[in-house]
Structure formats: C-alpha cells, structure tokens
Amino acid sequence: MKRPHSEVTLKVNRDAFLESSLKATWNFSISDWSKNFEVVFQDEEALDWEGPLREWFELICKALFDTTNQLFTRFSDTNQALMHPNANRPAHLLLKMYESAGHLVGKCLYESSLDEACKQLVQARFTHSFLAQIIVLCMRCKCFETDDPEFYKSKVCFVLNNDMSEMELVFAEEKFNKSDQLDKVREDSLRDLLQK
C-alpha cells in the first residue's frame, strides 16, 4: 500500500497537551486518520519533517495511557502490571476518550504497516482480557491467569474447584450506548461462564 499524499495539520499546545491533542483529532473521520499528520507545537518551530510527529506520538501515548489520568488502570501497583480501561473512571472522562485512544492505537498500527521508517510504538501493555475484547474474541477466565495471577489463583481457581451453586454468583456485563448511558445488562451464572 502506498503512503497517502493528503495531509492534515494538528496544532497542539504543550501546556495543555492531552486536551489540545484530543481537541485537534476529536471530529476526525476514518479518512482523516489515514492521512499524513503534520504536527505543529504552538509557539515552536519544527526542527525537521518527522521530529514533531514522532514526539507527538510518544507524548500522546504516554498521556493517554498514564494511569494518573484515570482513563486506564492496572491490576497491581507495579509499572510492569498490564493495563485495562478504568471501570471507575471519573465522570468527566467521557467514553469518547476511549474511542480516541482506539483511533490512536489504530493510527500507530497503520503507520507501522506502511514502512519501517514510519514505525510508531504504543507505549502500553494491555491485559489479555482487554485485547480479547478489542479483537472480538470470547473472553475466557484463563486470560486472568496472565492478567492478574493472584486474582486467578485466589478467586477463579477457587470457583472452578468448588461447588458454588448455593451462592448464586452472577456475572453481569453492561453495554453502554454512544451517549455513555447504560443500554442493557446481560447476566450469566458464574459457573456457566467459567464452563464455556
């Protein structure tokens, strides 16, 4: 596939980096995401053609996937722990921000597929359960064996190895619409879910 010739300019403010980057890309169409990006930092001159773009990719990945922003979280407090979306995110963090994070990851993959010189790395290590959901695989409890080994040993293995029928444990999956409102809830017994 040839690189596209069309270009889109992103004007970014370093003092409000994440906000200005999201604002610059908020209403992009799919075709906009496939265009060449030219990044311009306000009040700065670009040193070379790809320097600001590479720096923007590095900074935006760091900002979006930084757990202090509360958009993503980790199962444990170590920096090596895998990350996944924060179910307890503050109300001001809209679901649209996850869409932007997804577009960013897609853009990095797209750029990397064009040629080696354009390779953009996403500095985030996602949980297997989250990756399974992204690529629409059926999520298995086995994912937790690598996502959170302590949780898997103490909770999942306990449920698998013991009769839990009297406890009536239920797994509820919430589906949200584009307006960030709860659409529906699907419930399965925990035993049924683990046996799938």
C-alpha atoms as a PDB file:
ATOM      1  CA  MET A   1       0.000   0.000   0.000  1.00  0.00           C
ATOM      2  CA  LYS A   2       1.334   3.432  -0.908  1.00  0.00           C
ATOM      3  CA  ARG A   3       1.518   6.276   1.579  1.00  0.00           C
ATOM      4  CA  PRO A   4      -1.328   8.758   1.139  1.00  0.00           C
ATOM      5  CA  HIS A   5      -0.407  12.199  -0.206  1.00  0.00           C
ATOM      6  CA  SER A   6      -3.110  14.128   1.613  1.00  0.00           C
ATOM      7  CA  GLU A   7      -2.146  15.757   4.872  1.00  0.00           C
ATOM      8  CA  VAL A   8      -3.836  17.084   7.996  1.00  0.00           C
ATOM      9  CA  THR A   9      -2.231  19.558  10.394  1.00  0.00           C
ATOM     10  CA  LEU A  10      -2.535  19.161  14.164  1.00  0.00           C
ATOM     11  CA  LYS A  11      -1.926  22.319  16.193  1.00  0.00           C
ATOM     12  CA  VAL A  12      -1.003  21.300  19.727  1.00  0.00           C
ATOM     13  CA  ASN A  13      -0.350  23.316  22.876  1.00  0.00           C
ATOM     14  CA  ARG A  14       2.324  21.792  25.124  1.00  0.00           C
ATOM     15  CA  ASP A  15       0.837  23.386  28.256  1.00  0.00           C
ATOM     16  CA  ALA A  16      -2.479  21.601  27.665  1.00  0.00           C
ATOM     17  CA  PHE A  17      -1.066  18.729  25.637  1.00  0.00           C
ATOM     18  CA  LEU A  18      -3.672  15.986  26.078  1.00  0.00           C
ATOM     19  CA  GLU A  19      -6.646  18.339  25.834  1.00  0.00           C
ATOM     20  CA  SER A  20      -5.352  20.157  22.746  1.00  0.00           C
ATOM     21  CA  SER A  21      -4.398  16.874  21.037  1.00  0.00           C
ATOM     22  CA  LEU A  22      -7.836  15.387  21.676  1.00  0.00           C
ATOM     23  CA  LYS A  23      -9.495  18.602  20.509  1.00  0.00           C
ATOM     24  CA  ALA A  24      -7.417  18.566  17.301  1.00  0.00           C
ATOM     25  CA  THR A  25      -8.481  14.977  16.480  1.00  0.00           C
ATOM     26  CA  TRP A  26     -11.920  14.838  18.147  1.00  0.00           C
ATOM     27  CA  ASN A  27     -14.006  15.084  14.962  1.00  0.00           C
ATOM     28  CA  PHE A  28     -11.668  13.238  12.592  1.00  0.00           C
ATOM     29  CA  SER A  29     -13.278  10.872  10.115  1.00  0.00           C
ATOM     30  CA  ILE A  30     -11.722   7.490   9.320  1.00  0.00           C
ATOM     31  CA  SER A  31     -10.184   9.013   6.185  1.00  0.00           C
ATOM     32  CA  ASP A  32      -8.626  11.800   8.291  1.00  0.00           C
ATOM     33  CA  TRP A  33      -6.908   9.196  10.479  1.00  0.00           C
ATOM     34  CA  SER A  34      -5.358   7.612   7.360  1.00  0.00           C
ATOM     35  CA  LYS A  35      -3.867  10.924   6.168  1.00  0.00           C
ATOM     36  CA  ASN A  36      -0.320  12.071   6.892  1.00  0.00           C
ATOM     37  CA  PHE A  37      -0.175  14.062  10.109  1.00  0.00           C
ATOM     38  CA  GLU A  38       1.824  17.250  10.343  1.00  0.00           C
ATOM     39  CA  VAL A  39       2.220  18.260  13.981  1.00  0.00           C
ATOM     40  CA  VAL A  40       2.801  21.883  14.890  1.00  0.00           C
ATOM     41  CA  PHE A  41       3.519  22.764  18.509  1.00  0.00           C
ATOM     42  CA  GLN A  42       2.252  26.274  19.239  1.00  0.00           C
ATOM     43  CA  ASP A  43       4.994  28.904  19.513  1.00  0.00           C
ATOM     44  CA  GLU A  44       7.689  26.485  18.289  1.00  0.00           C
ATOM     45  CA  GLU A  45       9.461  25.928  15.022  1.00  0.00           C
ATOM     46  CA  ALA A  46       9.741  22.360  13.762  1.00  0.00           C
ATOM     47  CA  LEU A  47      13.333  21.097  13.631  1.00  0.00           C
ATOM     48  CA  ASP A  48      12.728  18.530  10.908  1.00  0.00           C
ATOM     49  CA  TRP A  49       9.895  16.958   8.956  1.00  0.00           C
ATOM     50  CA  GLU A  50       9.148  13.978  11.230  1.00  0.00           C
ATOM     51  CA  GLY A  51      10.595  15.126  14.572  1.00  0.00           C
ATOM     52  CA  PRO A  52       7.439  16.803  15.918  1.00  0.00           C
ATOM     53  CA  LEU A  53       5.261  13.925  14.656  1.00  0.00           C
ATOM     54  CA  ARG A  54       7.353  11.280  16.415  1.00  0.00           C
ATOM     55  CA  GLU A  55       7.428  13.380  19.573  1.00  0.00           C
ATOM     56  CA  TRP A  56       3.637  13.850  19.415  1.00  0.00           C
ATOM     57  CA  PHE A  57       3.050  10.086  19.081  1.00  0.00           C
ATOM     58  CA  GLU A  58       5.326   9.414  22.042  1.00  0.00           C
ATOM     59  CA  LEU A  59       3.738  12.126  24.213  1.00  0.00           C
ATOM     60  CA  ILE A  60       0.118  11.313  23.326  1.00  0.00           C
ATOM     61  CA  CYS A  61       0.608   7.604  24.077  1.00  0.00           C
ATOM     62  CA  LYS A  62       2.275   8.458  27.373  1.00  0.00           C
ATOM     63  CA  ALA A  63      -0.528  10.893  28.294  1.00  0.00           C
ATOM     64  CA  LEU A  64      -3.478   8.692  27.277  1.00  0.00           C
ATOM     65  CA  PHE A  65      -2.178   5.537  28.921  1.00  0.00           C
ATOM     66  CA  ASP A  66      -0.769   7.191  32.049  1.00  0.00           C
ATOM     67  CA  THR A  67      -2.729   5.733  34.971  1.00  0.00           C
ATOM     68  CA  THR A  68      -2.688   9.071  36.825  1.00  0.00           C
ATOM     69  CA  ASN A  69      -5.150  10.365  34.196  1.00  0.00           C
ATOM     70  CA  GLN A  70      -7.544   7.627  35.426  1.00  0.00           C
ATOM     71  CA  LEU A  71      -8.632   6.606  31.923  1.00  0.00           C
ATOM     72  CA  PHE A  72      -6.713   3.331  32.290  1.00  0.00           C
ATOM     73  CA  THR A  73      -5.682   1.412  35.393  1.00  0.00           C
ATOM     74  CA  ARG A  74      -3.598  -1.606  36.388  1.00  0.00           C
ATOM     75  CA  PHE A  75      -4.459  -4.737  38.362  1.00  0.00           C
ATOM     76  CA  SER A  76      -1.495  -4.054  40.652  1.00  0.00           C
ATOM     77  CA  ASP A  77       0.597  -1.023  41.575  1.00  0.00           C
ATOM     78  CA  THR A  78       3.770  -2.046  39.748  1.00  0.00           C
ATOM     79  CA  ASN A  79       4.824  -0.376  36.493  1.00  0.00           C
ATOM     80  CA  GLN A  80       5.152  -3.823  34.902  1.00  0.00           C
ATOM     81  CA  ALA A  81       1.483  -4.636  35.529  1.00  0.00           C
ATOM     82  CA  LEU A  82      -0.775  -4.842  32.487  1.00  0.00           C
ATOM     83  CA  MET A  83      -3.338  -2.071  31.969  1.00  0.00           C
ATOM     84  CA  HIS A  84      -7.005  -2.018  31.051  1.00  0.00           C
ATOM     85  CA  PRO A  85      -9.827   0.593  30.927  1.00  0.00           C
ATOM     86  CA  ASN A  86     -10.721   2.037  34.311  1.00  0.00           C
ATOM     87  CA  ALA A  87     -14.262   0.953  35.194  1.00  0.00           C
ATOM     88  CA  ASN A  88     -14.283   3.567  37.981  1.00  0.00           C
ATOM     89  CA  ARG A  89     -13.152   6.491  35.841  1.00  0.00           C
ATOM     90  CA  PRO A  90     -14.271   9.964  36.936  1.00  0.00           C
ATOM     91  CA  ALA A  91     -17.449  11.246  35.266  1.00  0.00           C
ATOM     92  CA  HIS A  92     -15.578  13.975  33.347  1.00  0.00           C
ATOM     93  CA  LEU A  93     -13.673  11.305  31.359  1.00  0.00           C
ATOM     94  CA  LEU A  94     -16.061  10.529  28.526  1.00  0.00           C
ATOM     95  CA  LEU A  95     -16.300   7.237  26.630  1.00  0.00           C
ATOM     96  CA  LYS A  96     -15.272   9.280  23.572  1.00  0.00           C
ATOM     97  CA  MET A  97     -11.773   9.433  25.104  1.00  0.00           C
ATOM     98  CA  TYR A  98     -11.552   5.631  24.797  1.00  0.00           C
ATOM     99  CA  GLU A  99     -12.579   5.988  21.167  1.00  0.00           C
ATOM    100  CA  SER A 100      -9.756   8.499  20.693  1.00  0.00           C
ATOM    101  CA  ALA A 101      -7.320   6.087  22.367  1.00  0.00           C
ATOM    102  CA  GLY A 102      -8.501   3.368  19.971  1.00  0.00           C
ATOM    103  CA  HIS A 103      -8.026   5.627  16.957  1.00  0.00           C
ATOM    104  CA  LEU A 104      -4.535   6.474  18.181  1.00  0.00           C
ATOM    105  CA  VAL A 105      -3.573   2.798  18.507  1.00  0.00           C
ATOM    106  CA  GLY A 106      -5.053   2.185  15.052  1.00  0.00           C
ATOM    107  CA  LYS A 107      -3.057   5.103  13.624  1.00  0.00           C
ATOM    108  CA  CYS A 108       0.160   3.696  15.137  1.00  0.00           C
ATOM    109  CA  LEU A 109      -0.543   0.279  13.615  1.00  0.00           C
ATOM    110  CA  TYR A 110      -1.446   1.866  10.277  1.00  0.00           C
ATOM    111  CA  GLU A 111       1.734   3.976  10.180  1.00  0.00           C
ATOM    112  CA  SER A 112       3.856   0.957  11.124  1.00  0.00           C
ATOM    113  CA  SER A 113       2.306  -1.120   8.340  1.00  0.00           C
ATOM    114  CA  LEU A 114       3.278   1.390   5.652  1.00  0.00           C
ATOM    115  CA  ASP A 115       7.016   1.035   6.109  1.00  0.00           C
ATOM    116  CA  GLU A 116       9.666   0.521   8.774  1.00  0.00           C
ATOM    117  CA  ALA A 117      10.726   4.187   8.758  1.00  0.00           C
ATOM    118  CA  CYS A 118       7.238   5.271   9.863  1.00  0.00           C
ATOM    119  CA  LYS A 119       7.003   2.816  12.757  1.00  0.00           C
ATOM    120  CA  GLN A 120       5.144   4.251  15.743  1.00  0.00           C
ATOM    121  CA  LEU A 121       5.147   2.335  19.014  1.00  0.00           C
ATOM    122  CA  VAL A 122       2.324   2.359  21.529  1.00  0.00           C
ATOM    123  CA  GLN A 123       3.841   2.515  24.996  1.00  0.00           C
ATOM    124  CA  ALA A 124       1.124   0.488  26.703  1.00  0.00           C
ATOM    125  CA  ARG A 125       0.916  -3.155  27.745  1.00  0.00           C
ATOM    126  CA  PHE A 126      -2.764  -4.139  27.752  1.00  0.00           C
ATOM    127  CA  THR A 127      -4.315  -7.036  29.650  1.00  0.00           C
ATOM    128  CA  HIS A 128      -5.098 -10.171  27.657  1.00  0.00           C
ATOM    129  CA  SER A 129      -8.763  -9.897  28.633  1.00  0.00           C
ATOM    130  CA  PHE A 130      -8.930  -6.360  27.205  1.00  0.00           C
ATOM    131  CA  LEU A 131      -7.119  -7.347  23.997  1.00  0.00           C
ATOM    132  CA  ALA A 132      -9.508 -10.284  23.568  1.00  0.00           C
ATOM    133  CA  GLN A 133     -12.440  -7.868  23.769  1.00  0.00           C
ATOM    134  CA  ILE A 134     -10.858  -5.452  21.276  1.00  0.00           C
ATOM    135  CA  ILE A 135     -10.483  -8.128  18.608  1.00  0.00           C
ATOM    136  CA  VAL A 136     -13.907  -9.572  19.487  1.00  0.00           C
ATOM    137  CA  LEU A 137     -12.728 -12.873  20.867  1.00  0.00           C
ATOM    138  CA  CYS A 138     -14.733 -14.616  23.524  1.00  0.00           C
ATOM    139  CA  MET A 139     -13.051 -13.645  26.770  1.00  0.00           C
ATOM    140  CA  ARG A 140     -12.093 -16.642  28.871  1.00  0.00           C
ATOM    141  CA  CYS A 141     -11.291 -16.677  32.565  1.00  0.00           C
ATOM    142  CA  LYS A 142      -7.932 -18.145  31.556  1.00  0.00           C
ATOM    143  CA  CYS A 143      -6.987 -14.580  30.496  1.00  0.00           C
ATOM    144  CA  PHE A 144      -6.799 -13.667  34.175  1.00  0.00           C
ATOM    145  CA  GLU A 145      -4.030 -16.211  34.679  1.00  0.00           C
ATOM    146  CA  THR A 146      -1.638 -13.761  32.992  1.00  0.00           C
ATOM    147  CA  ASP A 147      -3.548 -10.508  33.664  1.00  0.00           C
ATOM    148  CA  ASP A 148      -3.657 -10.914  37.434  1.00  0.00           C
ATOM    149  CA  PRO A 149      -2.134 -14.210  38.641  1.00  0.00           C
ATOM    150  CA  GLU A 150      -3.039 -13.563  42.283  1.00  0.00           C
ATOM    151  CA  PHE A 151      -6.693 -12.944  41.406  1.00  0.00           C
ATOM    152  CA  TYR A 152      -6.725 -16.062  39.210  1.00  0.00           C
ATOM    153  CA  LYS A 153      -5.284 -18.290  41.950  1.00  0.00           C
ATOM    154  CA  SER A 154      -7.361 -16.926  44.802  1.00  0.00           C
ATOM    155  CA  LYS A 155     -10.721 -16.382  43.093  1.00  0.00           C
ATOM    156  CA  VAL A 156     -11.084 -18.080  39.694  1.00  0.00           C
ATOM    157  CA  CYS A 157      -9.422 -21.363  40.703  1.00  0.00           C
ATOM    158  CA  PHE A 158     -11.477 -21.412  43.890  1.00  0.00           C
ATOM    159  CA  VAL A 159     -14.735 -21.091  41.912  1.00  0.00           C
ATOM    160  CA  LEU A 160     -13.605 -23.727  39.394  1.00  0.00           C
ATOM    161  CA  ASN A 161     -12.585 -26.225  42.084  1.00  0.00           C
ATOM    162  CA  ASN A 162     -15.515 -25.820  44.467  1.00  0.00           C
ATOM    163  CA  ASP A 163     -19.290 -26.195  44.316  1.00  0.00           C
ATOM    164  CA  MET A 164     -20.651 -22.648  44.209  1.00  0.00           C
ATOM    165  CA  SER A 165     -24.268 -23.425  43.239  1.00  0.00           C
ATOM    166  CA  GLU A 166     -25.720 -22.356  46.583  1.00  0.00           C
ATOM    167  CA  MET A 167     -24.060 -18.939  46.398  1.00  0.00           C
ATOM    168  CA  GLU A 168     -25.865 -17.996  43.128  1.00  0.00           C
ATOM    169  CA  LEU A 169     -22.955 -15.928  41.864  1.00  0.00           C
ATOM    170  CA  VAL A 170     -23.756 -13.935  38.725  1.00  0.00           C
ATOM    171  CA  PHE A 171     -21.558 -12.266  36.100  1.00  0.00           C
ATOM    172  CA  ALA A 172     -23.123  -9.061  34.748  1.00  0.00           C
ATOM    173  CA  GLU A 173     -21.935  -7.454  31.516  1.00  0.00           C
ATOM    174  CA  GLU A 174     -23.000  -3.851  30.989  1.00  0.00           C
ATOM    175  CA  LYS A 175     -23.448  -2.426  27.494  1.00  0.00           C
ATOM    176  CA  PHE A 176     -23.323   1.351  27.024  1.00  0.00           C
ATOM    177  CA  ASN A 177     -24.591   3.393  24.073  1.00  0.00           C
ATOM    178  CA  LYS A 178     -22.701   6.226  22.364  1.00  0.00           C
ATOM    179  CA  SER A 179     -24.226   8.739  24.782  1.00  0.00           C
ATOM    180  CA  ASP A 180     -22.438   6.990  27.657  1.00  0.00           C
ATOM    181  CA  GLN A 181     -25.752   5.691  29.042  1.00  0.00           C
ATOM    182  CA  LEU A 182     -26.392   2.125  30.168  1.00  0.00           C
ATOM    183  CA  ASP A 183     -28.140   0.298  27.333  1.00  0.00           C
ATOM    184  CA  LYS A 184     -28.585  -3.185  28.772  1.00  0.00           C
ATOM    185  CA  VAL A 185     -27.187  -5.669  31.270  1.00  0.00           C
ATOM    186  CA  ARG A 186     -26.576  -9.328  30.402  1.00  0.00           C
ATOM    187  CA  GLU A 187     -26.267 -11.775  33.291  1.00  0.00           C
ATOM    188  CA  ASP A 188     -24.790 -15.285  33.357  1.00  0.00           C
ATOM    189  CA  SER A 189     -24.212 -17.509  36.344  1.00  0.00           C
ATOM    190  CA  LEU A 190     -20.544 -17.589  37.223  1.00  0.00           C
ATOM    191  CA  ARG A 191     -20.467 -21.364  36.932  1.00  0.00           C
ATOM    192  CA  ASP A 192     -21.948 -21.243  33.396  1.00  0.00           C
ATOM    193  CA  LEU A 193     -19.478 -18.562  32.382  1.00  0.00           C
ATOM    194  CA  LEU A 194     -16.461 -20.479  33.632  1.00  0.00           C
ATOM    195  CA  GLN A 195     -17.577 -23.674  31.919  1.00  0.00           C
ATOM    196  CA  LYS A 196     -17.938 -22.057  28.483  1.00  0.00           C
END
